[in-house]
Each structure stands twice: as C-alpha cells, then as structure tokens.
Amino acid sequence: AGNPDLLMTEAERDNAMRMLDAVNAHPTASEWMAASTIREQAVFWDDTVDGIACKAKPDLVAPDLGLLIDLKRKTPRGGINTVRSCVSELVSRHYIGQLGYYLRGWLTDPARVRLDRIGWIFVTPSAPYDVICVYADEEMLGYGAELAEKALRVYADGLTTGDWHGVAPLPVEVSLPAYLRDGGDVADLGLTGLEVRDDG
C-alpha cells in the first residue's frame, strides 16, 4: 500500500534515518563523515592499461584524513556483526579491488588532494544498527591495487581478443580454509543442527 510515486515507504525512510543516527553517533564514523567534504564526485581518466576510458564514483573523500571511504549496508550473519565478517565481505565481494580501482583513478590527477588510505563504514540495517569502521593496512592497500590492475588487464585483453573466458576456464584445486585446518570444526560451517537422512 502507500503512494506508488514515493521513492521509499515511510517505514523504509524511518529505518534509513535510524541507520543515519547510528552513523552520526559512532565516534569514528561521524568523524569520517564530517571530514568527507567530497561526496559522490565522479572521476574520469584514461588508464595506463591500454588507455582504457575509466570512471569511478567514490561515496566519500576526506581530504584532511587522506582517506577514500565507501559506505556499506551490511546484514549481519546470525544477528551479529563482527570485524571478521566485515573483512570477509571485503575479500569475497572484492570491495578491496573496488576501492583500489577508485584510488587508482583519483591519483591520476596531480591537481587532486593526495589520498593514501581507503576505508569502509559498515552499518547494519536493523536494530541495534551497529556501525563498524575499518581501513586497509599497507598490505591490503597493495592487494587492492593489484586487484584493480589485474581487472583492468583482463578487461583490456577481452576488448582486444573478444575472449571473455570467465574467472576459471580450467578446473581449480581447492583446500580447506585456514580456520578449519587450525582446529576448526563443523560448527564453524554453520552445519550444526542439520538433520541427516538415511534413504537406505
């Protein structure tokens, strides 16, 4: 029900405002937001990889902090938000490479303020509207830059050859993640409580 011309319902708006209140109440998130004088400013450049025309649109840039920031709505697993789960999303959803790409584009113009850090504000979309701020260390920054470079080279190769072969055209041998090799158990996989059926 409601007005179909509205962009969001009253309940959705109320929830969004609660998320905003949580961000504003968080000491680090509010500092990052206040310092972000550049918001959703599109960046265009011709990349050094085959002159590919590129565009990026960072959520937030905090010049005084030297920080490029992305806002992420994060639904916690099992109702709990953790730093570990945030890092997992940075890796599994390639957010590191995304911001590595954004930073790469930003730094192409020597007239722009220099940025040397990337960070994320994660906020859950339901009570208690938890907020977690994380930023990349030097190793992760380097990894993000490598991911961005690799993605651009794959894209350039596809443009040249017309071969868009996907992530893994050949079979890949996989192994257990480190947390299972180092004393983890089936509970870590969230499989406890499953009913095992014997069909004979």
N, C-alpha and C. Protein backbone atom coordinates (compact mmCIF):
# COMPACT_ATOMS: atom_id res chain seq x y z
N ALA A 1 0.84 -1.18 0.00
CA ALA A 1 0.00 0.00 0.00
C ALA A 1 0.89 1.24 0.00
N GLY A 2 0.23 2.41 0.07
CA GLY A 2 1.01 3.65 0.08
C GLY A 2 1.03 4.30 -1.28
N ASN A 3 1.69 5.42 -1.36
CA ASN A 3 1.80 6.19 -2.60
C ASN A 3 2.85 5.56 -3.50
N PRO A 4 2.45 5.05 -4.69
CA PRO A 4 3.42 4.39 -5.59
C PRO A 4 4.45 5.36 -6.16
N ASP A 5 4.19 6.68 -6.07
CA ASP A 5 5.13 7.67 -6.60
C ASP A 5 6.28 7.96 -5.64
N LEU A 6 6.16 7.51 -4.39
CA LEU A 6 7.21 7.75 -3.42
C LEU A 6 8.41 6.84 -3.70
N LEU A 7 9.61 7.36 -3.48
CA LEU A 7 10.81 6.56 -3.70
C LEU A 7 10.98 5.50 -2.62
N MET A 8 10.47 5.77 -1.42
CA MET A 8 10.53 4.79 -0.34
C MET A 8 9.31 4.95 0.54
N THR A 9 8.99 3.87 1.24
CA THR A 9 7.86 3.92 2.14
C THR A 9 8.26 4.66 3.41
N GLU A 10 7.26 5.01 4.22
CA GLU A 10 7.54 5.69 5.48
C GLU A 10 8.40 4.81 6.38
N ALA A 11 8.12 3.50 6.37
CA ALA A 11 8.91 2.57 7.20
C ALA A 11 10.35 2.50 6.72
N GLU A 12 10.55 2.49 5.40
CA GLU A 12 11.91 2.46 4.85
C GLU A 12 12.66 3.75 5.20
N ARG A 13 11.95 4.87 5.12
CA ARG A 13 12.59 6.14 5.46
C ARG A 13 12.97 6.17 6.93
N ASP A 14 12.07 5.68 7.79
CA ASP A 14 12.35 5.64 9.22
C ASP A 14 13.58 4.78 9.51
N ASN A 15 13.67 3.65 8.82
CA ASN A 15 14.81 2.76 9.02
C ASN A 15 16.10 3.42 8.55
N ALA A 16 16.04 4.10 7.42
CA ALA A 16 17.23 4.79 6.90
C ALA A 16 17.69 5.88 7.86
N MET A 17 16.74 6.59 8.48
CA MET A 17 17.11 7.64 9.43
C MET A 17 17.74 7.05 10.69
N ARG A 18 17.26 5.87 11.10
CA ARG A 18 17.87 5.21 12.25
C ARG A 18 19.31 4.79 11.94
N MET A 19 19.53 4.33 10.73
CA MET A 19 20.89 3.99 10.31
C MET A 19 21.78 5.23 10.31
N LEU A 20 21.24 6.34 9.81
CA LEU A 20 22.00 7.60 9.80
C LEU A 20 22.31 8.05 11.22
N ASP A 21 21.33 7.95 12.11
CA ASP A 21 21.55 8.33 13.51
C ASP A 21 22.68 7.49 14.13
N ALA A 22 22.70 6.20 13.78
CA ALA A 22 23.73 5.32 14.32
C ALA A 22 25.12 5.73 13.82
N VAL A 23 25.20 6.07 12.54
CA VAL A 23 26.47 6.52 11.97
C VAL A 23 26.93 7.81 12.66
N ASN A 24 26.00 8.74 12.84
CA ASN A 24 26.33 10.03 13.46
C ASN A 24 26.72 9.88 14.93
N ALA A 25 26.23 8.81 15.58
CA ALA A 25 26.54 8.59 16.99
C ALA A 25 27.85 7.83 17.18
N HIS A 26 28.37 7.26 16.12
CA HIS A 26 29.61 6.48 16.21
C HIS A 26 30.80 7.42 16.12
N PRO A 27 31.74 7.38 17.08
CA PRO A 27 32.81 8.37 17.11
C PRO A 27 33.66 8.42 15.84
N THR A 28 34.06 7.27 15.31
CA THR A 28 34.90 7.26 14.12
C THR A 28 34.09 7.56 12.87
N ALA A 29 32.93 6.92 12.74
CA ALA A 29 32.11 7.14 11.54
C ALA A 29 31.70 8.60 11.42
N SER A 30 31.32 9.21 12.52
CA SER A 30 30.91 10.62 12.47
C SER A 30 32.10 11.52 12.12
N GLU A 31 33.30 11.17 12.60
CA GLU A 31 34.50 11.94 12.24
C GLU A 31 34.78 11.82 10.75
N TRP A 32 34.71 10.59 10.23
CA TRP A 32 34.96 10.37 8.80
C TRP A 32 33.92 11.11 7.96
N MET A 33 32.66 11.04 8.37
CA MET A 33 31.60 11.71 7.61
C MET A 33 31.81 13.23 7.62
N ALA A 34 32.13 13.79 8.78
CA ALA A 34 32.32 15.23 8.87
C ALA A 34 33.50 15.70 8.03
N ALA A 35 34.53 14.85 7.94
CA ALA A 35 35.72 15.21 7.17
C ALA A 35 35.54 15.00 5.66
N SER A 36 34.46 14.33 5.28
CA SER A 36 34.23 14.00 3.87
C SER A 36 33.56 15.16 3.15
N THR A 37 34.38 16.10 2.72
CA THR A 37 33.87 17.29 2.03
C THR A 37 33.61 17.03 0.56
N ILE A 38 34.04 15.88 0.06
CA ILE A 38 33.78 15.49 -1.33
C ILE A 38 32.93 14.23 -1.31
N ARG A 39 31.74 14.31 -1.92
CA ARG A 39 30.81 13.18 -1.86
C ARG A 39 30.26 12.85 -3.24
N GLU A 40 30.39 11.56 -3.60
CA GLU A 40 29.89 11.05 -4.87
C GLU A 40 30.32 11.92 -6.05
N GLN A 41 31.57 12.29 -6.06
CA GLN A 41 32.12 13.07 -7.18
C GLN A 41 32.72 12.10 -8.20
N ALA A 42 32.20 12.13 -9.42
CA ALA A 42 32.68 11.23 -10.46
C ALA A 42 34.10 11.59 -10.87
N VAL A 43 34.89 10.57 -11.11
CA VAL A 43 36.28 10.72 -11.55
C VAL A 43 36.42 10.01 -12.88
N PHE A 44 36.99 10.68 -13.88
CA PHE A 44 37.19 10.11 -15.21
C PHE A 44 38.68 10.12 -15.53
N TRP A 45 39.16 9.06 -16.18
CA TRP A 45 40.56 9.04 -16.61
C TRP A 45 40.77 8.00 -17.70
N ASP A 46 41.81 8.18 -18.48
CA ASP A 46 42.27 7.18 -19.44
C ASP A 46 43.41 6.43 -18.78
N ASP A 47 43.19 5.16 -18.51
CA ASP A 47 44.14 4.41 -17.70
C ASP A 47 45.41 4.08 -18.48
N THR A 48 46.47 3.83 -17.71
CA THR A 48 47.74 3.45 -18.32
C THR A 48 47.67 2.08 -18.97
N VAL A 49 46.70 1.26 -18.57
CA VAL A 49 46.49 -0.04 -19.21
C VAL A 49 45.72 0.17 -20.51
N ASP A 50 46.43 0.23 -21.60
CA ASP A 50 45.85 0.34 -22.95
C ASP A 50 44.95 1.56 -23.13
N GLY A 51 45.12 2.59 -22.31
CA GLY A 51 44.34 3.81 -22.48
C GLY A 51 42.85 3.62 -22.28
N ILE A 52 42.46 2.63 -21.49
CA ILE A 52 41.04 2.35 -21.25
C ILE A 52 40.37 3.56 -20.59
N ALA A 53 39.23 3.97 -21.15
CA ALA A 53 38.45 5.06 -20.55
C ALA A 53 37.76 4.54 -19.30
N CYS A 54 38.02 5.18 -18.18
CA CYS A 54 37.52 4.69 -16.89
C CYS A 54 36.71 5.76 -16.16
N LYS A 55 35.87 5.28 -15.28
CA LYS A 55 35.07 6.16 -14.43
C LYS A 55 34.95 5.53 -13.05
N ALA A 56 35.00 6.34 -12.01
CA ALA A 56 34.75 5.89 -10.64
C ALA A 56 33.94 6.95 -9.93
N LYS A 57 33.18 6.52 -8.93
CA LYS A 57 32.37 7.47 -8.17
C LYS A 57 32.41 7.09 -6.69
N PRO A 58 33.49 7.50 -6.00
CA PRO A 58 33.61 7.17 -4.59
C PRO A 58 32.46 7.77 -3.78
N ASP A 59 32.03 7.05 -2.75
CA ASP A 59 30.99 7.59 -1.87
C ASP A 59 31.48 8.85 -1.17
N LEU A 60 32.65 8.75 -0.55
CA LEU A 60 33.15 9.84 0.28
C LEU A 60 34.65 9.99 0.12
N VAL A 61 35.11 11.24 0.13
CA VAL A 61 36.54 11.52 0.17
C VAL A 61 36.78 12.52 1.29
N ALA A 62 37.66 12.14 2.23
CA ALA A 62 38.00 13.01 3.35
C ALA A 62 39.42 13.54 3.13
N PRO A 63 39.57 14.70 2.48
CA PRO A 63 40.90 15.19 2.11
C PRO A 63 41.84 15.37 3.30
N ASP A 64 41.34 15.92 4.40
CA ASP A 64 42.20 16.17 5.56
C ASP A 64 42.70 14.88 6.21
N LEU A 65 41.97 13.78 5.98
CA LEU A 65 42.38 12.49 6.53
C LEU A 65 43.14 11.65 5.51
N GLY A 66 43.20 12.15 4.25
CA GLY A 66 43.84 11.38 3.19
C GLY A 66 43.13 10.08 2.92
N LEU A 67 41.80 10.09 3.08
CA LEU A 67 41.03 8.85 3.14
C LEU A 67 39.90 8.83 2.11
N LEU A 68 39.83 7.72 1.37
CA LEU A 68 38.72 7.45 0.45
C LEU A 68 37.83 6.41 1.11
N ILE A 69 36.52 6.67 1.19
CA ILE A 69 35.63 5.86 2.03
C ILE A 69 34.44 5.34 1.23
N ASP A 70 34.04 4.13 1.55
CA ASP A 70 32.83 3.55 0.97
C ASP A 70 31.87 3.21 2.10
N LEU A 71 30.59 3.53 1.90
CA LEU A 71 29.54 3.16 2.85
C LEU A 71 28.94 1.83 2.45
N LYS A 72 28.79 0.92 3.40
CA LYS A 72 28.25 -0.39 3.11
C LYS A 72 27.13 -0.74 4.08
N ARG A 73 25.98 -1.12 3.52
CA ARG A 73 24.87 -1.65 4.31
C ARG A 73 25.16 -3.13 4.49
N LYS A 74 25.27 -3.57 5.72
CA LYS A 74 25.69 -4.95 5.97
C LYS A 74 24.70 -5.67 6.86
N THR A 75 24.11 -6.73 6.31
CA THR A 75 23.22 -7.57 7.10
C THR A 75 24.06 -8.59 7.86
N PRO A 76 24.06 -8.57 9.18
CA PRO A 76 24.92 -9.47 9.95
C PRO A 76 24.45 -10.91 9.88
N ARG A 77 25.41 -11.82 9.93
CA ARG A 77 25.08 -13.24 9.96
C ARG A 77 24.71 -13.63 11.38
N GLY A 78 23.58 -14.30 11.52
CA GLY A 78 23.15 -14.73 12.84
C GLY A 78 22.84 -13.58 13.77
N GLY A 79 22.56 -12.40 13.20
CA GLY A 79 22.21 -11.25 14.01
C GLY A 79 23.39 -10.55 14.65
N ILE A 80 24.62 -11.00 14.33
CA ILE A 80 25.81 -10.43 14.96
C ILE A 80 26.75 -9.89 13.88
N ASN A 81 27.18 -8.66 14.06
CA ASN A 81 28.14 -8.05 13.16
C ASN A 81 29.51 -8.13 13.82
N THR A 82 30.53 -8.54 13.07
CA THR A 82 31.87 -8.64 13.62
C THR A 82 32.87 -8.04 12.64
N VAL A 83 34.03 -7.66 13.16
CA VAL A 83 35.10 -7.16 12.29
C VAL A 83 35.50 -8.25 11.31
N ARG A 84 35.56 -9.49 11.79
CA ARG A 84 35.94 -10.61 10.92
C ARG A 84 34.97 -10.75 9.74
N SER A 85 33.67 -10.59 10.01
CA SER A 85 32.70 -10.72 8.92
C SER A 85 32.82 -9.56 7.95
N CYS A 86 33.21 -8.38 8.44
CA CYS A 86 33.43 -7.24 7.56
C CYS A 86 34.61 -7.52 6.63
N VAL A 87 35.69 -8.05 7.19
CA VAL A 87 36.86 -8.38 6.39
C VAL A 87 36.51 -9.45 5.36
N SER A 88 35.70 -10.42 5.78
CA SER A 88 35.26 -11.47 4.86
C SER A 88 34.52 -10.87 3.66
N GLU A 89 33.68 -9.88 3.91
CA GLU A 89 32.96 -9.24 2.82
C GLU A 89 33.90 -8.44 1.93
N LEU A 90 34.89 -7.79 2.53
CA LEU A 90 35.86 -7.03 1.74
C LEU A 90 36.54 -7.95 0.72
N VAL A 91 36.82 -9.17 1.16
CA VAL A 91 37.51 -10.13 0.29
C VAL A 91 36.55 -10.78 -0.69
N SER A 92 35.46 -11.37 -0.16
CA SER A 92 34.57 -12.16 -1.01
C SER A 92 33.82 -11.32 -2.04
N ARG A 93 33.51 -10.09 -1.70
CA ARG A 93 32.78 -9.22 -2.62
C ARG A 93 33.71 -8.28 -3.40
N HIS A 94 35.00 -8.48 -3.24
CA HIS A 94 36.02 -7.70 -3.98
C HIS A 94 35.94 -6.20 -3.70
N TYR A 95 35.48 -5.84 -2.50
CA TYR A 95 35.44 -4.42 -2.14
C TYR A 95 36.85 -3.82 -2.10
N ILE A 96 37.85 -4.66 -1.78
CA ILE A 96 39.22 -4.16 -1.75
C ILE A 96 39.64 -3.70 -3.14
N GLY A 97 39.36 -4.54 -4.14
CA GLY A 97 39.70 -4.18 -5.51
C GLY A 97 38.91 -2.98 -6.00
N GLN A 98 37.64 -2.88 -5.57
CA GLN A 98 36.80 -1.76 -5.97
C GLN A 98 37.41 -0.43 -5.52
N LEU A 99 37.78 -0.36 -4.24
CA LEU A 99 38.36 0.88 -3.75
C LEU A 99 39.79 1.07 -4.24
N GLY A 100 40.50 -0.03 -4.52
CA GLY A 100 41.80 0.08 -5.15
C GLY A 100 41.69 0.75 -6.52
N TYR A 101 40.63 0.39 -7.24
CA TYR A 101 40.34 0.99 -8.54
C TYR A 101 39.97 2.47 -8.39
N TYR A 102 39.12 2.76 -7.41
CA TYR A 102 38.73 4.16 -7.17
C TYR A 102 39.96 5.02 -6.85
N LEU A 103 40.81 4.49 -5.96
CA LEU A 103 42.01 5.24 -5.57
C LEU A 103 42.94 5.42 -6.75
N ARG A 104 43.06 4.40 -7.58
CA ARG A 104 43.90 4.47 -8.78
C ARG A 104 43.44 5.63 -9.67
N GLY A 105 42.13 5.73 -9.86
CA GLY A 105 41.59 6.80 -10.68
C GLY A 105 41.80 8.16 -10.06
N TRP A 106 41.58 8.24 -8.75
CA TRP A 106 41.72 9.52 -8.07
C TRP A 106 43.13 10.07 -8.21
N LEU A 107 44.12 9.18 -8.11
CA LEU A 107 45.51 9.60 -8.11
C LEU A 107 46.06 9.92 -9.50
N THR A 108 45.25 9.75 -10.55
CA THR A 108 45.73 10.08 -11.90
C THR A 108 45.86 11.58 -12.12
N ASP A 109 45.15 12.36 -11.33
CA ASP A 109 45.19 13.82 -11.50
C ASP A 109 46.06 14.42 -10.40
N PRO A 110 47.23 14.95 -10.76
CA PRO A 110 48.12 15.50 -9.74
C PRO A 110 47.55 16.74 -9.05
N ALA A 111 46.50 17.33 -9.62
CA ALA A 111 45.90 18.52 -9.00
C ALA A 111 44.99 18.15 -7.83
N ARG A 112 44.59 16.88 -7.75
CA ARG A 112 43.71 16.47 -6.66
C ARG A 112 44.51 16.30 -5.37
N VAL A 113 43.83 16.46 -4.26
CA VAL A 113 44.45 16.22 -2.96
C VAL A 113 44.92 14.78 -2.91
N ARG A 114 46.08 14.56 -2.31
CA ARG A 114 46.65 13.21 -2.25
C ARG A 114 45.93 12.37 -1.20
N LEU A 115 45.56 11.17 -1.58
CA LEU A 115 44.94 10.21 -0.67
C LEU A 115 45.87 9.03 -0.52
N ASP A 116 45.97 8.50 0.69
CA ASP A 116 46.85 7.35 0.90
C ASP A 116 46.19 6.23 1.70
N ARG A 117 44.88 6.35 1.94
CA ARG A 117 44.18 5.33 2.70
C ARG A 117 42.82 5.06 2.09
N ILE A 118 42.32 3.84 2.29
CA ILE A 118 40.95 3.51 1.91
C ILE A 118 40.27 2.88 3.12
N GLY A 119 38.98 3.17 3.29
CA GLY A 119 38.25 2.65 4.44
C GLY A 119 36.79 2.43 4.12
N TRP A 120 36.12 1.75 5.03
CA TRP A 120 34.71 1.41 4.85
C TRP A 120 33.95 1.67 6.13
N ILE A 121 32.73 2.16 6.00
CA ILE A 121 31.80 2.26 7.11
C ILE A 121 30.70 1.23 6.88
N PHE A 122 30.66 0.21 7.71
CA PHE A 122 29.62 -0.82 7.63
C PHE A 122 28.53 -0.48 8.65
N VAL A 123 27.28 -0.48 8.22
CA VAL A 123 26.17 -0.24 9.14
C VAL A 123 25.08 -1.28 8.89
N THR A 124 24.58 -1.86 9.97
CA THR A 124 23.53 -2.86 9.84
C THR A 124 22.18 -2.18 9.67
N PRO A 125 21.27 -2.78 8.87
CA PRO A 125 20.01 -2.14 8.54
C PRO A 125 18.88 -2.44 9.51
N SER A 126 19.22 -2.94 10.70
CA SER A 126 18.18 -3.23 11.70
C SER A 126 18.80 -3.05 13.09
N ALA A 127 17.92 -2.95 14.07
CA ALA A 127 18.39 -2.75 15.45
C ALA A 127 19.37 -3.86 15.83
N PRO A 128 20.45 -3.53 16.51
CA PRO A 128 20.76 -2.23 17.14
C PRO A 128 21.49 -1.24 16.22
N TYR A 129 21.42 -1.45 14.91
CA TYR A 129 22.06 -0.54 13.94
C TYR A 129 23.54 -0.35 14.27
N ASP A 130 24.22 -1.47 14.31
CA ASP A 130 25.64 -1.46 14.67
C ASP A 130 26.47 -0.84 13.54
N VAL A 131 27.52 -0.14 13.92
CA VAL A 131 28.41 0.51 12.95
C VAL A 131 29.83 0.05 13.22
N ILE A 132 30.52 -0.36 12.16
CA ILE A 132 31.92 -0.74 12.26
C ILE A 132 32.71 -0.01 11.18
N CYS A 133 33.79 0.66 11.57
CA CYS A 133 34.68 1.33 10.62
C CYS A 133 35.98 0.55 10.51
N VAL A 134 36.39 0.27 9.29
CA VAL A 134 37.66 -0.42 9.08
C VAL A 134 38.43 0.32 7.99
N TYR A 135 39.74 0.23 8.05
CA TYR A 135 40.56 0.78 6.97
C TYR A 135 41.67 -0.20 6.64
N ALA A 136 42.16 -0.11 5.42
CA ALA A 136 43.15 -1.08 4.93
C ALA A 136 44.54 -0.75 5.42
N ASP A 137 45.27 -1.80 5.85
CA ASP A 137 46.68 -1.60 6.17
C ASP A 137 47.48 -1.59 4.87
N GLU A 138 48.80 -1.48 4.97
CA GLU A 138 49.64 -1.36 3.78
C GLU A 138 49.52 -2.59 2.88
N GLU A 139 49.47 -3.77 3.50
CA GLU A 139 49.37 -5.00 2.72
C GLU A 139 48.07 -5.05 1.94
N MET A 140 46.96 -4.68 2.60
CA MET A 140 45.67 -4.70 1.93
C MET A 140 45.59 -3.62 0.85
N LEU A 141 46.21 -2.46 1.10
CA LEU A 141 46.26 -1.42 0.07
C LEU A 141 46.96 -1.94 -1.17
N GLY A 142 48.08 -2.62 -0.96
CA GLY A 142 48.81 -3.17 -2.10
C GLY A 142 48.00 -4.22 -2.84
N TYR A 143 47.28 -5.05 -2.07
CA TYR A 143 46.45 -6.08 -2.68
C TYR A 143 45.33 -5.45 -3.49
N GLY A 144 44.72 -4.39 -2.96
CA GLY A 144 43.67 -3.70 -3.70
C GLY A 144 44.18 -3.12 -5.00
N ALA A 145 45.38 -2.55 -4.97
CA ALA A 145 45.98 -2.00 -6.18
C ALA A 145 46.25 -3.10 -7.20
N GLU A 146 46.72 -4.26 -6.72
CA GLU A 146 46.97 -5.39 -7.61
C GLU A 146 45.68 -5.91 -8.25
N LEU A 147 44.61 -6.01 -7.44
CA LEU A 147 43.32 -6.46 -7.98
C LEU A 147 42.81 -5.52 -9.06
N ALA A 148 42.94 -4.21 -8.81
CA ALA A 148 42.48 -3.23 -9.79
C ALA A 148 43.27 -3.35 -11.09
N GLU A 149 44.58 -3.48 -10.97
CA GLU A 149 45.45 -3.64 -12.14
C GLU A 149 45.09 -4.90 -12.92
N LYS A 150 44.91 -6.00 -12.20
CA LYS A 150 44.58 -7.27 -12.85
C LYS A 150 43.24 -7.19 -13.57
N ALA A 151 42.24 -6.58 -12.92
CA ALA A 151 40.92 -6.46 -13.54
C ALA A 151 40.98 -5.63 -14.82
N LEU A 152 41.75 -4.56 -14.79
CA LEU A 152 41.88 -3.72 -15.99
C LEU A 152 42.57 -4.48 -17.11
N ARG A 153 43.57 -5.29 -16.77
CA ARG A 153 44.29 -6.04 -17.80
C ARG A 153 43.40 -7.14 -18.40
N VAL A 154 42.59 -7.78 -17.55
CA VAL A 154 41.64 -8.78 -18.06
C VAL A 154 40.63 -8.11 -18.99
N TYR A 155 40.15 -6.94 -18.60
CA TYR A 155 39.19 -6.20 -19.42
C TYR A 155 39.82 -5.79 -20.74
N ALA A 156 41.06 -5.28 -20.69
CA ALA A 156 41.75 -4.87 -21.91
C ALA A 156 41.95 -6.05 -22.84
N ASP A 157 42.32 -7.21 -22.27
CA ASP A 157 42.51 -8.41 -23.08
C ASP A 157 41.21 -8.84 -23.73
N GLY A 158 40.10 -8.75 -22.98
CA GLY A 158 38.81 -9.11 -23.55
C GLY A 158 38.42 -8.19 -24.70
N LEU A 159 38.70 -6.90 -24.55
CA LEU A 159 38.40 -5.95 -25.62
C LEU A 159 39.21 -6.27 -26.87
N THR A 160 40.46 -6.68 -26.67
CA THR A 160 41.35 -6.93 -27.80
C THR A 160 41.04 -8.25 -28.49
N THR A 161 40.81 -9.31 -27.70
CA THR A 161 40.65 -10.65 -28.27
C THR A 161 39.19 -11.07 -28.45
N GLY A 162 38.29 -10.40 -27.73
CA GLY A 162 36.90 -10.82 -27.75
C GLY A 162 36.65 -12.07 -26.94
N ASP A 163 37.66 -12.52 -26.20
CA ASP A 163 37.56 -13.74 -25.39
C ASP A 163 37.26 -13.37 -23.95
N TRP A 164 36.01 -13.58 -23.53
CA TRP A 164 35.60 -13.31 -22.15
C TRP A 164 35.41 -14.65 -21.46
N HIS A 165 36.53 -15.28 -21.09
CA HIS A 165 36.51 -16.68 -20.66
C HIS A 165 36.08 -16.89 -19.22
N GLY A 166 35.82 -15.85 -18.47
CA GLY A 166 35.36 -16.02 -17.10
C GLY A 166 36.49 -16.17 -16.11
N VAL A 167 36.13 -16.39 -14.88
CA VAL A 167 37.12 -16.42 -13.79
C VAL A 167 38.01 -17.65 -13.86
N ALA A 168 37.43 -18.81 -14.13
CA ALA A 168 38.21 -20.06 -14.06
C ALA A 168 37.87 -20.97 -15.23
N PRO A 169 38.49 -20.75 -16.38
CA PRO A 169 38.21 -21.61 -17.53
C PRO A 169 38.74 -23.03 -17.35
N LEU A 170 39.70 -23.21 -16.43
CA LEU A 170 40.24 -24.53 -16.15
C LEU A 170 39.88 -24.93 -14.72
N PRO A 171 39.84 -26.23 -14.43
CA PRO A 171 39.50 -26.65 -13.07
C PRO A 171 40.55 -26.17 -12.07
N VAL A 172 40.07 -25.86 -10.86
CA VAL A 172 40.95 -25.33 -9.82
C VAL A 172 40.90 -26.25 -8.61
N GLU A 173 42.07 -26.66 -8.13
CA GLU A 173 42.14 -27.46 -6.91
C GLU A 173 41.99 -26.52 -5.71
N VAL A 174 41.11 -26.86 -4.78
CA VAL A 174 40.88 -26.01 -3.61
C VAL A 174 41.20 -26.80 -2.35
N SER A 175 41.49 -26.06 -1.27
CA SER A 175 41.82 -26.69 0.00
C SER A 175 40.99 -26.06 1.11
N LEU A 176 41.04 -26.66 2.27
CA LEU A 176 40.30 -26.13 3.41
C LEU A 176 40.82 -24.75 3.79
N PRO A 177 39.91 -23.85 4.23
CA PRO A 177 40.38 -22.57 4.72
C PRO A 177 41.20 -22.74 6.00
N ALA A 178 42.04 -21.76 6.28
CA ALA A 178 42.99 -21.87 7.39
C ALA A 178 42.29 -22.12 8.72
N TYR A 179 41.12 -21.48 8.94
CA TYR A 179 40.49 -21.63 10.26
C TYR A 179 39.98 -23.05 10.49
N LEU A 180 39.76 -23.82 9.43
CA LEU A 180 39.37 -25.22 9.61
C LEU A 180 40.59 -26.11 9.76
N ARG A 181 41.69 -25.76 9.10
CA ARG A 181 42.92 -26.54 9.25
C ARG A 181 43.49 -26.38 10.66
N ASP A 182 43.26 -25.22 11.26
CA ASP A 182 43.85 -24.92 12.57
C ASP A 182 42.90 -25.19 13.72
N GLY A 183 42.29 -26.36 13.72
CA GLY A 183 41.48 -26.76 14.87
C GLY A 183 40.02 -26.41 14.78
N GLY A 184 39.54 -25.92 13.62
CA GLY A 184 38.12 -25.63 13.48
C GLY A 184 37.31 -26.91 13.40
N ASP A 185 35.99 -26.78 13.47
CA ASP A 185 35.16 -27.97 13.35
C ASP A 185 33.91 -27.63 12.56
N VAL A 186 33.01 -28.58 12.49
CA VAL A 186 31.82 -28.42 11.66
C VAL A 186 30.96 -27.26 12.13
N ALA A 187 31.05 -26.88 13.40
CA ALA A 187 30.25 -25.76 13.91
C ALA A 187 30.62 -24.46 13.21
N ASP A 188 31.90 -24.34 12.79
CA ASP A 188 32.33 -23.14 12.10
C ASP A 188 31.64 -22.97 10.75
N LEU A 189 31.15 -24.08 10.20
CA LEU A 189 30.49 -24.02 8.91
C LEU A 189 29.00 -23.73 9.03
N GLY A 190 28.49 -23.66 10.25
CA GLY A 190 27.07 -23.40 10.43
C GLY A 190 26.21 -24.60 10.09
N LEU A 191 26.78 -25.82 10.21
CA LEU A 191 26.05 -27.02 9.82
C LEU A 191 25.46 -27.76 11.01
N THR A 192 25.67 -27.27 12.22
CA THR A 192 25.12 -27.95 13.38
C THR A 192 23.61 -27.89 13.36
N GLY A 193 23.00 -28.95 13.84
CA GLY A 193 21.55 -28.99 13.90
C GLY A 193 20.88 -29.48 12.63
N LEU A 194 21.69 -29.82 11.59
CA LEU A 194 21.11 -30.35 10.37
C LEU A 194 20.66 -31.78 10.59
N GLU A 195 19.55 -32.11 9.98
CA GLU A 195 19.06 -33.47 10.08
C GLU A 195 19.70 -34.31 8.97
N VAL A 196 20.32 -35.41 9.31
CA VAL A 196 20.92 -36.30 8.33
C VAL A 196 19.92 -37.43 8.05
N ARG A 197 19.56 -37.59 6.80
CA ARG A 197 18.55 -38.58 6.45
C ARG A 197 19.21 -39.75 5.75
N ASP A 198 18.86 -40.95 6.15
CA ASP A 198 19.38 -42.17 5.54
C ASP A 198 18.27 -42.75 4.67
N ASP A 199 18.46 -42.68 3.35
CA ASP A 199 17.44 -43.21 2.43
C ASP A 199 17.70 -44.66 2.11
N GLY A 200 18.64 -45.25 2.81
CA GLY A 200 18.90 -46.67 2.60
C GLY A 200 19.76 -46.89 1.41
